[in-house]
């Protein structure tokens, strides 16, 4: 992996200075037992089971406006409820229409301790729709994006475990499973519209949430492949596209035992392609219009199976997917 000089220097600096990180910090190289305990709720078997459900014939490829898409939405809502999240306005689904079809974003809320007027929110998102069935051809969408959905739900499970163990975080988290991504990112547009209009109300405080209240937007899109987009990367890699924001926190989180993933902060080593992928592909792109919001895309990148019928459950690397989720979890803890 070829990192820019500044990132390389920081990596060396954190390696030497990690011993000076305070004992209670979420960035501690030797995390507290409760942080490690939360890892136990994420298993390879559970990840595979979730991907298999979303790719099952019952979900019919999760095409927007189809019964299979609705089945997937109900399943995600149940999982959010089981993870201890709270619905907005008493309902898990936020509906919209695109191209004459009914779409449904599934949204859950994890309350933080800071509930004052200056409270900030973090959005964690992953789209759950895919192409469905086209001319009798079924598109399972395992990597794109059942992998991102199970990652999103796993993060919710781990935060709930932390709450059970008595650890709370300052910021609140809005978990969103987007619908309509294959229809010009209609679900993401819906959420941006709601935040601009103040149509979402904090389930705990009753405060209307606006775009200015969003501190960070994290998009999880295609996370299960171990086919690196560059020959210089190992199979246990993770791409973080963020305009160089929050990179140091990810590098530090990667020191946690059992992780040590091969990190990359560009795409194919090309600044132009990285910029195009980050700014024009994925639900995060709409949040880049708001400079105050730190916007991050975690991905394992497009593969030869992306948007094809061959994007099946058997093509994913579940041990690597689990390690990626754990790394994102530790990184998330550092910014909450």
C-alpha atoms as a PDB file:
ATOM      1  CA  UNK A   1       0.000   0.000   0.000  1.00  0.00           C
ATOM      2  CA  UNK A   2       1.431   3.334  -1.045  1.00  0.00           C
ATOM      3  CA  UNK A   3       0.319   6.071   1.358  1.00  0.00           C
ATOM      4  CA  UNK A   4       0.960   9.782   0.982  1.00  0.00           C
ATOM      5  CA  UNK A   5       3.985  10.964   2.962  1.00  0.00           C
ATOM      6  CA  UNK A   6       1.868  12.749   5.610  1.00  0.00           C
ATOM      7  CA  UNK A   7      -0.189   9.617   6.291  1.00  0.00           C
ATOM      8  CA  UNK A   8       2.958   7.478   6.453  1.00  0.00           C
ATOM      9  CA  UNK A   9       4.541   9.862   8.956  1.00  0.00           C
ATOM     10  CA  UNK A  10       1.384   9.860  11.074  1.00  0.00           C
ATOM     11  CA  UNK A  11       1.291   6.052  11.019  1.00  0.00           C
ATOM     12  CA  UNK A  12       4.843   5.929  12.322  1.00  0.00           C
ATOM     13  CA  UNK A  13       4.065   8.611  14.921  1.00  0.00           C
ATOM     14  CA  UNK A  14       1.009   6.752  16.243  1.00  0.00           C
ATOM     15  CA  UNK A  15       3.039   3.552  16.415  1.00  0.00           C
ATOM     16  CA  UNK A  16       5.575   5.222  18.710  1.00  0.00           C
ATOM     17  CA  UNK A  17       3.108   7.310  20.710  1.00  0.00           C
ATOM     18  CA  UNK A  18       0.292   4.796  21.277  1.00  0.00           C
ATOM     19  CA  UNK A  19       1.536   4.152  24.825  1.00  0.00           C
ATOM     20  CA  UNK A  20       0.638   7.732  25.735  1.00  0.00           C
ATOM     21  CA  UNK A  21      -3.041   7.388  24.809  1.00  0.00           C
ATOM     22  CA  UNK A  22      -5.067   7.661  28.064  1.00  0.00           C
ATOM     23  CA  UNK A  23      -6.305   4.427  29.614  1.00  0.00           C
ATOM     24  CA  UNK A  24      -9.971   5.411  29.241  1.00  0.00           C
ATOM     25  CA  UNK A  25      -9.741   6.457  25.594  1.00  0.00           C
ATOM     26  CA  UNK A  26     -11.734   4.604  22.931  1.00  0.00           C
ATOM     27  CA  UNK A  27      -8.517   4.825  20.875  1.00  0.00           C
ATOM     28  CA  UNK A  28      -6.529   2.878  23.456  1.00  0.00           C
ATOM     29  CA  UNK A  29      -4.409   0.219  21.826  1.00  0.00           C
ATOM     30  CA  UNK A  30      -5.557  -2.167  24.554  1.00  0.00           C
ATOM     31  CA  UNK A  31      -9.307  -1.426  24.611  1.00  0.00           C
ATOM     32  CA  UNK A  32     -11.380  -1.793  27.728  1.00  0.00           C
ATOM     33  CA  UNK A  33     -12.975  -5.203  28.299  1.00  0.00           C
ATOM     34  CA  UNK A  34     -16.427  -3.819  27.497  1.00  0.00           C
ATOM     35  CA  UNK A  35     -15.230  -2.703  24.065  1.00  0.00           C
ATOM     36  CA  UNK A  36     -13.874  -6.175  23.427  1.00  0.00           C
ATOM     37  CA  UNK A  37     -17.031  -7.734  24.840  1.00  0.00           C
ATOM     38  CA  UNK A  38     -19.122  -5.955  22.212  1.00  0.00           C
ATOM     39  CA  UNK A  39     -17.203  -7.801  19.500  1.00  0.00           C
ATOM     40  CA  UNK A  40     -18.870 -11.053  20.536  1.00  0.00           C
ATOM     41  CA  UNK A  41     -22.226 -10.022  19.074  1.00  0.00           C
ATOM     42  CA  UNK A  42     -20.707 -10.081  15.571  1.00  0.00           C
ATOM     43  CA  UNK A  43     -20.011 -13.564  14.276  1.00  0.00           C
ATOM     44  CA  UNK A  44     -19.265 -14.860  10.803  1.00  0.00           C
ATOM     45  CA  UNK A  45     -22.291 -17.130  11.068  1.00  0.00           C
ATOM     46  CA  UNK A  46     -24.653 -14.265  11.846  1.00  0.00           C
ATOM     47  CA  UNK A  47     -23.232 -12.150   9.042  1.00  0.00           C
ATOM     48  CA  UNK A  48     -23.673 -14.991   6.570  1.00  0.00           C
ATOM     49  CA  UNK A  49     -27.207 -15.651   7.808  1.00  0.00           C
ATOM     50  CA  UNK A  50     -28.165 -12.008   7.297  1.00  0.00           C
ATOM     51  CA  UNK A  51     -26.701 -11.868   3.802  1.00  0.00           C
ATOM     52  CA  UNK A  52     -28.413 -15.142   2.905  1.00  0.00           C
ATOM     53  CA  UNK A  53     -31.795 -13.813   4.003  1.00  0.00           C
ATOM     54  CA  UNK A  54     -31.439 -10.616   1.996  1.00  0.00           C
ATOM     55  CA  UNK A  55     -30.351 -12.652  -1.038  1.00  0.00           C
ATOM     56  CA  UNK A  56     -33.058 -15.288  -0.622  1.00  0.00           C
ATOM     57  CA  UNK A  57     -35.769 -15.786  -3.235  1.00  0.00           C
ATOM     58  CA  UNK A  58     -38.235 -14.342  -0.705  1.00  0.00           C
ATOM     59  CA  UNK A  59     -36.597 -10.930  -1.211  1.00  0.00           C
ATOM     60  CA  UNK A  60     -36.482 -11.291  -5.014  1.00  0.00           C
ATOM     61  CA  UNK A  61     -33.356  -9.188  -5.395  1.00  0.00           C
ATOM     62  CA  UNK A  62     -34.906  -6.355  -3.319  1.00  0.00           C
ATOM     63  CA  UNK A  63     -36.022  -4.251  -6.283  1.00  0.00           C
ATOM     64  CA  UNK A  64     -37.753  -1.050  -5.142  1.00  0.00           C
ATOM     65  CA  UNK A  65     -41.529  -1.317  -5.122  1.00  0.00           C
ATOM     66  CA  UNK A  66     -41.543  -5.135  -5.093  1.00  0.00           C
ATOM     67  CA  UNK A  67     -42.878  -7.492  -2.407  1.00  0.00           C
ATOM     68  CA  UNK A  68     -39.341  -8.778  -1.923  1.00  0.00           C
ATOM     69  CA  UNK A  69     -38.093  -5.293  -1.182  1.00  0.00           C
ATOM     70  CA  UNK A  70     -40.851  -4.879   1.418  1.00  0.00           C
ATOM     71  CA  UNK A  71     -39.867  -8.202   3.032  1.00  0.00           C
ATOM     72  CA  UNK A  72     -36.280  -6.962   3.287  1.00  0.00           C
ATOM     73  CA  UNK A  73     -37.459  -3.684   4.809  1.00  0.00           C
ATOM     74  CA  UNK A  74     -39.553  -5.454   7.446  1.00  0.00           C
ATOM     75  CA  UNK A  75     -36.603  -7.694   8.335  1.00  0.00           C
ATOM     76  CA  UNK A  76     -34.276  -4.687   8.727  1.00  0.00           C
ATOM     77  CA  UNK A  77     -36.847  -2.916  10.926  1.00  0.00           C
ATOM     78  CA  UNK A  78     -37.146  -5.993  13.152  1.00  0.00           C
ATOM     79  CA  UNK A  79     -33.384  -6.188  13.462  1.00  0.00           C
ATOM     80  CA  UNK A  80     -33.190  -2.507  14.374  1.00  0.00           C
ATOM     81  CA  UNK A  81     -35.800  -3.024  17.063  1.00  0.00           C
ATOM     82  CA  UNK A  82     -33.934  -6.057  18.406  1.00  0.00           C
ATOM     83  CA  UNK A  83     -30.772  -3.927  18.518  1.00  0.00           C
ATOM     84  CA  UNK A  84     -32.517  -1.500  20.850  1.00  0.00           C
ATOM     85  CA  UNK A  85     -32.860   1.353  18.366  1.00  0.00           C
ATOM     86  CA  UNK A  86     -35.833   3.715  18.512  1.00  0.00           C
ATOM     87  CA  UNK A  87     -38.166   4.559  15.594  1.00  0.00           C
ATOM     88  CA  UNK A  88     -38.832   8.116  14.442  1.00  0.00           C
ATOM     89  CA  UNK A  89     -42.383   9.260  15.100  1.00  0.00           C
ATOM     90  CA  UNK A  90     -43.357   5.751  16.155  1.00  0.00           C
ATOM     91  CA  UNK A  91     -42.569   4.192  12.771  1.00  0.00           C
ATOM     92  CA  UNK A  92     -39.510   2.576  11.260  1.00  0.00           C
ATOM     93  CA  UNK A  93     -40.308   3.357   7.624  1.00  0.00           C
ATOM     94  CA  UNK A  94     -40.058   6.757   5.925  1.00  0.00           C
ATOM     95  CA  UNK A  95     -41.866   6.489   2.580  1.00  0.00           C
ATOM     96  CA  UNK A  96     -41.297   8.266  -0.728  1.00  0.00           C
ATOM     97  CA  UNK A  97     -42.108   7.778  -4.402  1.00  0.00           C
ATOM     98  CA  UNK A  98     -39.792   7.637  -7.391  1.00  0.00           C
ATOM     99  CA  UNK A  99     -40.645   6.709 -10.983  1.00  0.00           C
ATOM    100  CA  UNK A 100     -44.127   5.754  -9.833  1.00  0.00           C
ATOM    101  CA  UNK A 101     -42.767   3.285  -7.287  1.00  0.00           C
ATOM    102  CA  UNK A 102     -43.089   3.326  -3.506  1.00  0.00           C
ATOM    103  CA  UNK A 103     -39.771   3.395  -1.659  1.00  0.00           C
ATOM    104  CA  UNK A 104     -39.123   3.007   2.046  1.00  0.00           C
ATOM    105  CA  UNK A 105     -36.103   4.180   4.020  1.00  0.00           C
ATOM    106  CA  UNK A 106     -35.811   2.225   7.276  1.00  0.00           C
ATOM    107  CA  UNK A 107     -34.530   4.509  10.046  1.00  0.00           C
ATOM    108  CA  UNK A 108     -33.598   3.815  13.665  1.00  0.00           C
ATOM    109  CA  UNK A 109     -32.178   6.039  16.414  1.00  0.00           C
ATOM    110  CA  UNK A 110     -29.475   5.427  18.998  1.00  0.00           C
ATOM    111  CA  UNK A 111     -29.609   8.175  21.667  1.00  0.00           C
ATOM    112  CA  UNK A 112     -26.427   9.810  22.892  1.00  0.00           C
ATOM    113  CA  UNK A 113     -25.878  11.490  26.246  1.00  0.00           C
ATOM    114  CA  UNK A 114     -25.591  15.013  24.839  1.00  0.00           C
ATOM    115  CA  UNK A 115     -29.204  16.029  24.287  1.00  0.00           C
ATOM    116  CA  UNK A 116     -28.808  19.803  24.610  1.00  0.00           C
ATOM    117  CA  UNK A 117     -29.609  22.406  21.957  1.00  0.00           C
ATOM    118  CA  UNK A 118     -26.132  21.980  20.449  1.00  0.00           C
ATOM    119  CA  UNK A 119     -26.389  18.186  20.219  1.00  0.00           C
ATOM    120  CA  UNK A 120     -24.758  16.641  17.160  1.00  0.00           C
ATOM    121  CA  UNK A 121     -25.768  13.553  15.223  1.00  0.00           C
ATOM    122  CA  UNK A 122     -23.919  10.955  13.174  1.00  0.00           C
ATOM    123  CA  UNK A 123     -25.621   9.209  10.257  1.00  0.00           C
ATOM    124  CA  UNK A 124     -24.634   5.634   9.434  1.00  0.00           C
ATOM    125  CA  UNK A 125     -26.205   4.427   6.200  1.00  0.00           C
ATOM    126  CA  UNK A 126     -26.289   1.471   3.833  1.00  0.00           C
ATOM    127  CA  UNK A 127     -28.680   0.905   0.938  1.00  0.00           C
ATOM    128  CA  UNK A 128     -30.676  -2.310   0.930  1.00  0.00           C
ATOM    129  CA  UNK A 129     -32.331  -2.194  -2.495  1.00  0.00           C
ATOM    130  CA  UNK A 130     -30.877  -3.808  -5.594  1.00  0.00           C
ATOM    131  CA  UNK A 131     -32.018  -4.486  -9.168  1.00  0.00           C
ATOM    132  CA  UNK A 132     -34.512  -7.199  -8.281  1.00  0.00           C
ATOM    133  CA  UNK A 133     -35.624  -9.304 -11.243  1.00  0.00           C
ATOM    134  CA  UNK A 134     -35.062  -7.977 -14.762  1.00  0.00           C
ATOM    135  CA  UNK A 135     -36.343 -10.020 -17.708  1.00  0.00           C
ATOM    136  CA  UNK A 136     -36.452 -13.136 -15.540  1.00  0.00           C
ATOM    137  CA  UNK A 137     -32.864 -12.541 -14.429  1.00  0.00           C
ATOM    138  CA  UNK A 138     -32.451 -12.375 -10.668  1.00  0.00           C
ATOM    139  CA  UNK A 139     -29.840 -10.088  -9.104  1.00  0.00           C
ATOM    140  CA  UNK A 140     -29.098 -11.267  -5.526  1.00  0.00           C
ATOM    141  CA  UNK A 141     -26.953  -8.256  -4.541  1.00  0.00           C
ATOM    142  CA  UNK A 142     -24.893  -9.985  -1.846  1.00  0.00           C
ATOM    143  CA  UNK A 143     -21.936  -7.608  -1.894  1.00  0.00           C
ATOM    144  CA  UNK A 144     -24.035  -4.741  -3.247  1.00  0.00           C
ATOM    145  CA  UNK A 145     -25.327  -4.199  -0.710  1.00  0.00           C
ATOM    146  CA  UNK A 146     -26.433  -6.947   1.660  1.00  0.00           C
ATOM    147  CA  UNK A 147     -22.877  -6.739   3.010  1.00  0.00           C
ATOM    148  CA  UNK A 148     -23.338  -3.077   3.929  1.00  0.00           C
ATOM    149  CA  UNK A 149     -26.707  -3.737   5.566  1.00  0.00           C
ATOM    150  CA  UNK A 150     -25.390  -6.481   7.853  1.00  0.00           C
ATOM    151  CA  UNK A 151     -22.478  -4.181   8.723  1.00  0.00           C
ATOM    152  CA  UNK A 152     -24.905  -1.401   9.649  1.00  0.00           C
ATOM    153  CA  UNK A 153     -26.996  -3.721  11.827  1.00  0.00           C
ATOM    154  CA  UNK A 154     -23.867  -5.142  13.467  1.00  0.00           C
ATOM    155  CA  UNK A 155     -22.751  -1.651  14.483  1.00  0.00           C
ATOM    156  CA  UNK A 156     -26.176  -1.081  16.046  1.00  0.00           C
ATOM    157  CA  UNK A 157     -25.887  -4.395  17.906  1.00  0.00           C
ATOM    158  CA  UNK A 158     -22.476  -3.465  19.290  1.00  0.00           C
ATOM    159  CA  UNK A 159     -23.593  -0.035  20.471  1.00  0.00           C
ATOM    160  CA  UNK A 160     -26.532  -1.684  22.228  1.00  0.00           C
ATOM    161  CA  UNK A 161     -24.166  -4.139  23.933  1.00  0.00           C
ATOM    162  CA  UNK A 162     -22.071  -1.197  25.089  1.00  0.00           C
ATOM    163  CA  UNK A 163     -25.199   0.425  26.528  1.00  0.00           C
ATOM    164  CA  UNK A 164     -26.058  -2.801  28.363  1.00  0.00           C
ATOM    165  CA  UNK A 165     -22.557  -2.755  29.853  1.00  0.00           C
ATOM    166  CA  UNK A 166     -23.018   0.813  31.072  1.00  0.00           C
ATOM    167  CA  UNK A 167     -21.049   2.673  28.401  1.00  0.00           C
ATOM    168  CA  UNK A 168     -22.814   5.553  26.617  1.00  0.00           C
ATOM    169  CA  UNK A 169     -21.537   7.973  24.005  1.00  0.00           C
ATOM    170  CA  UNK A 170     -22.031  11.709  23.675  1.00  0.00           C
ATOM    171  CA  UNK A 171     -23.449  11.882  20.157  1.00  0.00           C
ATOM    172  CA  UNK A 172     -26.644  10.282  18.872  1.00  0.00           C
ATOM    173  CA  UNK A 173     -26.608   8.015  15.830  1.00  0.00           C
ATOM    174  CA  UNK A 174     -29.187   7.877  13.047  1.00  0.00           C
ATOM    175  CA  UNK A 175     -29.068   4.454  11.366  1.00  0.00           C
ATOM    176  CA  UNK A 176     -30.545   4.498   7.846  1.00  0.00           C
ATOM    177  CA  UNK A 177     -31.135   1.640   5.412  1.00  0.00           C
ATOM    178  CA  UNK A 178     -31.701   3.483   2.141  1.00  0.00           C
ATOM    179  CA  UNK A 179     -34.126   2.357  -0.528  1.00  0.00           C
ATOM    180  CA  UNK A 180     -34.042   3.590  -4.116  1.00  0.00           C
ATOM    181  CA  UNK A 181     -30.275   3.784  -4.522  1.00  0.00           C
ATOM    182  CA  UNK A 182     -30.503   2.143  -7.956  1.00  0.00           C
ATOM    183  CA  UNK A 183     -33.097   4.818  -8.823  1.00  0.00           C
ATOM    184  CA  UNK A 184     -30.745   7.783  -8.731  1.00  0.00           C
ATOM    185  CA  UNK A 185     -30.224   7.514  -4.978  1.00  0.00           C
ATOM    186  CA  UNK A 186     -33.828   8.457  -4.280  1.00  0.00           C
ATOM    187  CA  UNK A 187     -33.723   7.339  -0.640  1.00  0.00           C
ATOM    188  CA  UNK A 188     -30.704   9.496   0.148  1.00  0.00           C
ATOM    189  CA  UNK A 189     -32.384  12.457  -1.553  1.00  0.00           C
ATOM    190  CA  UNK A 190     -35.429  11.867   0.652  1.00  0.00           C
ATOM    191  CA  UNK A 191     -33.372  12.000   3.843  1.00  0.00           C
ATOM    192  CA  UNK A 192     -31.540  15.148   2.747  1.00  0.00           C
ATOM    193  CA  UNK A 193     -34.906  16.775   2.036  1.00  0.00           C
ATOM    194  CA  UNK A 194     -36.221  15.770   5.471  1.00  0.00           C
ATOM    195  CA  UNK A 195     -33.156  17.219   7.174  1.00  0.00           C
ATOM    196  CA  UNK A 196     -33.330  20.450   5.215  1.00  0.00           C
ATOM    197  CA  UNK A 197     -36.989  20.875   6.155  1.00  0.00           C
ATOM    198  CA  UNK A 198     -36.605  19.695   9.757  1.00  0.00           C
ATOM    199  CA  UNK A 199     -39.053  16.829   9.242  1.00  0.00           C
ATOM    200  CA  UNK A 200     -37.235  14.430  11.562  1.00  0.00           C
ATOM    201  CA  UNK A 201     -37.786  14.796  15.297  1.00  0.00           C
ATOM    202  CA  UNK A 202     -35.384  13.417  17.896  1.00  0.00           C
ATOM    203  CA  UNK A 203     -37.349  10.528  19.510  1.00  0.00           C
ATOM    204  CA  UNK A 204     -35.935  11.369  22.962  1.00  0.00           C
ATOM    205  CA  UNK A 205     -35.875  15.168  23.156  1.00  0.00           C
ATOM    206  CA  UNK A 206     -38.482  16.069  20.546  1.00  0.00           C
ATOM    207  CA  UNK A 207     -35.980  18.429  18.930  1.00  0.00           C
ATOM    208  CA  UNK A 208     -36.296  18.885  15.169  1.00  0.00           C
ATOM    209  CA  UNK A 209     -33.123  17.680  13.462  1.00  0.00           C
ATOM    210  CA  UNK A 210     -31.709  19.813  10.652  1.00  0.00           C
ATOM    211  CA  UNK A 211     -28.790  19.359   8.321  1.00  0.00           C
ATOM    212  CA  UNK A 212     -26.716  21.756  10.460  1.00  0.00           C
ATOM    213  CA  UNK A 213     -27.040  19.273  13.327  1.00  0.00           C
ATOM    214  CA  UNK A 214     -25.338  16.467  11.376  1.00  0.00           C
ATOM    215  CA  UNK A 215     -21.643  16.175  12.194  1.00  0.00           C
ATOM    216  CA  UNK A 216     -20.677  13.074  10.199  1.00  0.00           C
ATOM    217  CA  UNK A 217     -22.260  10.926   7.484  1.00  0.00           C
ATOM    218  CA  UNK A 218     -20.898   7.386   7.055  1.00  0.00           C
ATOM    219  CA  UNK A 219     -21.902   5.277   4.051  1.00  0.00           C
ATOM    220  CA  UNK A 220     -21.322   1.497   4.008  1.00  0.00           C
ATOM    221  CA  UNK A 221     -21.511   0.323   0.408  1.00  0.00           C
ATOM    222  CA  UNK A 222     -20.018  -2.957  -0.879  1.00  0.00           C
ATOM    223  CA  UNK A 223     -17.980  -4.356   2.011  1.00  0.00           C
ATOM    224  CA  UNK A 224     -17.709  -8.112   1.520  1.00  0.00           C
ATOM    225  CA  UNK A 225     -15.181  -8.738  -1.228  1.00  0.00           C
ATOM    226  CA  UNK A 226     -11.579  -9.828  -0.811  1.00  0.00           C
ATOM    227  CA  UNK A 227     -10.673  -8.990  -4.418  1.00  0.00           C
ATOM    228  CA  UNK A 228      -8.561  -5.849  -3.981  1.00  0.00           C
ATOM    229  CA  UNK A 229      -8.820  -3.123  -6.633  1.00  0.00           C
ATOM    230  CA  UNK A 230      -5.031  -2.800  -6.565  1.00  0.00           C
ATOM    231  CA  UNK A 231      -2.364  -5.508  -6.734  1.00  0.00           C
ATOM    232  CA  UNK A 232      -0.472  -3.701  -3.975  1.00  0.00           C
ATOM    233  CA  UNK A 233      -3.229  -4.492  -1.435  1.00  0.00           C
ATOM    234  CA  UNK A 234      -3.669  -7.658   0.611  1.00  0.00           C
ATOM    235  CA  UNK A 235      -6.998  -9.492   0.624  1.00  0.00           C
ATOM    236  CA  UNK A 236      -7.806  -8.123   4.089  1.00  0.00           C
ATOM    237  CA  UNK A 237      -8.015  -4.524   2.922  1.00  0.00           C
ATOM    238  CA  UNK A 238     -10.465  -1.678   3.507  1.00  0.00           C
ATOM    239  CA  UNK A 239     -10.984   1.443   1.428  1.00  0.00           C
ATOM    240  CA  UNK A 240     -11.878   4.687   3.189  1.00  0.00           C
ATOM    241  CA  UNK A 241     -12.765   7.609   0.950  1.00  0.00           C
ATOM    242  CA  UNK A 242     -13.257  10.768   2.968  1.00  0.00           C
ATOM    243  CA  UNK A 243     -11.348  13.634   1.448  1.00  0.00           C
ATOM    244  CA  UNK A 244      -8.641  12.847   4.043  1.00  0.00           C
ATOM    245  CA  UNK A 245     -11.008  13.529   6.949  1.00  0.00           C
ATOM    246  CA  UNK A 246     -10.940  11.218   9.999  1.00  0.00           C
ATOM    247  CA  UNK A 247      -8.063   9.188   8.549  1.00  0.00           C
ATOM    248  CA  UNK A 248      -5.900   9.383  11.670  1.00  0.00           C
ATOM    249  CA  UNK A 249      -8.711   7.930  13.802  1.00  0.00           C
ATOM    250  CA  UNK A 250      -8.992   4.915  11.485  1.00  0.00           C
ATOM    251  CA  UNK A 251      -5.249   4.315  11.525  1.00  0.00           C
ATOM    252  CA  UNK A 252      -5.218   4.390  15.324  1.00  0.00           C
ATOM    253  CA  UNK A 253      -8.278   2.100  15.585  1.00  0.00           C
ATOM    254  CA  UNK A 254      -6.501  -0.378  13.306  1.00  0.00           C
ATOM    255  CA  UNK A 255      -3.985  -1.051  16.112  1.00  0.00           C
ATOM    256  CA  UNK A 256      -6.633  -2.941  18.083  1.00  0.00           C
ATOM    257  CA  UNK A 257      -5.770  -6.627  18.563  1.00  0.00           C
ATOM    258  CA  UNK A 258      -6.923  -8.910  15.762  1.00  0.00           C
ATOM    259  CA  UNK A 259      -7.342  -6.121  13.227  1.00  0.00           C
ATOM    260  CA  UNK A 260      -4.338  -4.723  11.359  1.00  0.00           C
ATOM    261  CA  UNK A 261      -6.206  -4.453   8.072  1.00  0.00           C
ATOM    262  CA  UNK A 262      -4.515  -3.159   4.938  1.00  0.00           C
ATOM    263  CA  UNK A 263      -5.883   0.386   4.704  1.00  0.00           C
ATOM    264  CA  UNK A 264      -6.187   2.389   1.534  1.00  0.00           C
ATOM    265  CA  UNK A 265      -7.386   5.976   1.140  1.00  0.00           C
ATOM    266  CA  UNK A 266      -7.685   6.206  -2.618  1.00  0.00           C
ATOM    267  CA  UNK A 267      -9.097   4.139  -5.460  1.00  0.00           C
ATOM    268  CA  UNK A 268      -6.799   2.437  -7.967  1.00  0.00           C
ATOM    269  CA  UNK A 269      -4.119   4.904  -6.900  1.00  0.00           C
ATOM    270  CA  UNK A 270      -5.762   7.599  -9.004  1.00  0.00           C
ATOM    271  CA  UNK A 271      -6.703  10.958  -7.493  1.00  0.00           C
ATOM    272  CA  UNK A 272      -9.135  11.650 -10.343  1.00  0.00           C
ATOM    273  CA  UNK A 273     -10.852   8.263 -10.083  1.00  0.00           C
ATOM    274  CA  UNK A 274     -10.995   8.536  -6.301  1.00  0.00           C
ATOM    275  CA  UNK A 275     -12.631  11.942  -6.568  1.00  0.00           C
ATOM    276  CA  UNK A 276     -15.147  10.688  -9.144  1.00  0.00           C
ATOM    277  CA  UNK A 277     -16.005   7.580  -7.099  1.00  0.00           C
ATOM    278  CA  UNK A 278     -16.363   9.534  -3.866  1.00  0.00           C
ATOM    279  CA  UNK A 279     -18.314  12.463  -5.282  1.00  0.00           C
ATOM    280  CA  UNK A 280     -20.542  10.787  -7.860  1.00  0.00           C
ATOM    281  CA  UNK A 281     -21.127   7.151  -6.853  1.00  0.00           C
ATOM    282  CA  UNK A 282     -23.001   6.270  -3.678  1.00  0.00           C
ATOM    283  CA  UNK A 283     -25.502   7.806  -1.291  1.00  0.00           C
ATOM    284  CA  UNK A 284     -22.825   9.871   0.457  1.00  0.00           C
ATOM    285  CA  UNK A 285     -22.527  12.194  -2.547  1.00  0.00           C
ATOM    286  CA  UNK A 286     -25.447  14.429  -1.536  1.00  0.00           C
ATOM    287  CA  UNK A 287     -23.866  15.195   1.839  1.00  0.00           C
ATOM    288  CA  UNK A 288     -20.721  16.507   0.176  1.00  0.00           C
ATOM    289  CA  UNK A 289     -22.684  19.637  -0.725  1.00  0.00           C
ATOM    290  CA  UNK A 290     -22.545  20.550   2.980  1.00  0.00           C
ATOM    291  CA  UNK A 291     -18.943  21.426   3.929  1.00  0.00           C
ATOM    292  CA  UNK A 292     -19.677  21.288   7.650  1.00  0.00           C
ATOM    293  CA  UNK A 293     -20.476  17.560   7.426  1.00  0.00           C
ATOM    294  CA  UNK A 294     -17.618  15.069   7.496  1.00  0.00           C
ATOM    295  CA  UNK A 295     -18.555  12.504   4.856  1.00  0.00           C
ATOM    296  CA  UNK A 296     -17.022   9.024   4.747  1.00  0.00           C
ATOM    297  CA  UNK A 297     -17.441   6.048   2.415  1.00  0.00           C
ATOM    298  CA  UNK A 298     -16.252   2.620   3.575  1.00  0.00           C
ATOM    299  CA  UNK A 299     -16.078   0.050   0.794  1.00  0.00           C
ATOM    300  CA  UNK A 300     -14.163  -2.902  -0.572  1.00  0.00           C
ATOM    301  CA  UNK A 301     -14.743  -1.550  -4.069  1.00  0.00           C
ATOM    302  CA  UNK A 302     -16.428  -2.620  -7.266  1.00  0.00           C
ATOM    303  CA  UNK A 303     -15.640  -6.144  -8.461  1.00  0.00           C
ATOM    304  CA  UNK A 304     -16.426  -8.240 -11.522  1.00  0.00           C
ATOM    305  CA  UNK A 305     -19.597  -9.400  -9.712  1.00  0.00           C
ATOM    306  CA  UNK A 306     -20.979  -5.939  -8.938  1.00  0.00           C
ATOM    307  CA  UNK A 307     -24.437  -5.372 -10.491  1.00  0.00           C
ATOM    308  CA  UNK A 308     -24.420  -8.886 -11.960  1.00  0.00           C
ATOM    309  CA  UNK A 309     -26.264 -12.108 -11.254  1.00  0.00           C
ATOM    310  CA  UNK A 310     -22.994 -13.540  -9.952  1.00  0.00           C
ATOM    311  CA  UNK A 311     -23.102 -11.252  -6.883  1.00  0.00           C
ATOM    312  CA  UNK A 312     -24.058 -14.173  -4.633  1.00  0.00           C
ATOM    313  CA  UNK A 313     -23.580 -15.067  -0.981  1.00  0.00           C
ATOM    314  CA  UNK A 314     -20.783 -17.520  -1.801  1.00  0.00           C
ATOM    315  CA  UNK A 315     -18.566 -14.782  -3.225  1.00  0.00           C
ATOM    316  CA  UNK A 316     -18.174 -12.892   0.056  1.00  0.00           C
ATOM    317  CA  UNK A 317     -15.276 -13.263   2.485  1.00  0.00           C
ATOM    318  CA  UNK A 318     -17.043 -13.376   5.857  1.00  0.00           C
ATOM    319  CA  UNK A 319     -13.933 -13.456   8.093  1.00  0.00           C
ATOM    320  CA  UNK A 320     -12.620 -10.311   6.386  1.00  0.00           C
ATOM    321  CA  UNK A 321     -16.075  -8.694   6.440  1.00  0.00           C
ATOM    322  CA  UNK A 322     -16.222  -9.240  10.196  1.00  0.00           C
ATOM    323  CA  UNK A 323     -12.813  -7.644  10.741  1.00  0.00           C
ATOM    324  CA  UNK A 324     -13.827  -4.658   8.626  1.00  0.00           C
ATOM    325  CA  UNK A 325     -16.959  -4.187  10.727  1.00  0.00           C
ATOM    326  CA  UNK A 326     -14.943  -4.372  13.947  1.00  0.00           C
ATOM    327  CA  UNK A 327     -12.505  -1.769  12.657  1.00  0.00           C
ATOM    328  CA  UNK A 328     -15.355   0.566  11.682  1.00  0.00           C
ATOM    329  CA  UNK A 329     -16.836  -0.003  15.144  1.00  0.00           C
ATOM    330  CA  UNK A 330     -13.637   1.026  16.949  1.00  0.00           C
ATOM    331  CA  UNK A 331     -13.289   3.997  14.612  1.00  0.00           C
ATOM    332  CA  UNK A 332     -16.897   4.959  15.315  1.00  0.00           C
ATOM    333  CA  UNK A 333     -16.306   4.772  19.071  1.00  0.00           C
ATOM    334  CA  UNK A 334     -13.422   7.220  18.656  1.00  0.00           C
ATOM    335  CA  UNK A 335     -15.619   9.893  17.046  1.00  0.00           C
ATOM    336  CA  UNK A 336     -18.718   9.396  19.219  1.00  0.00           C
END
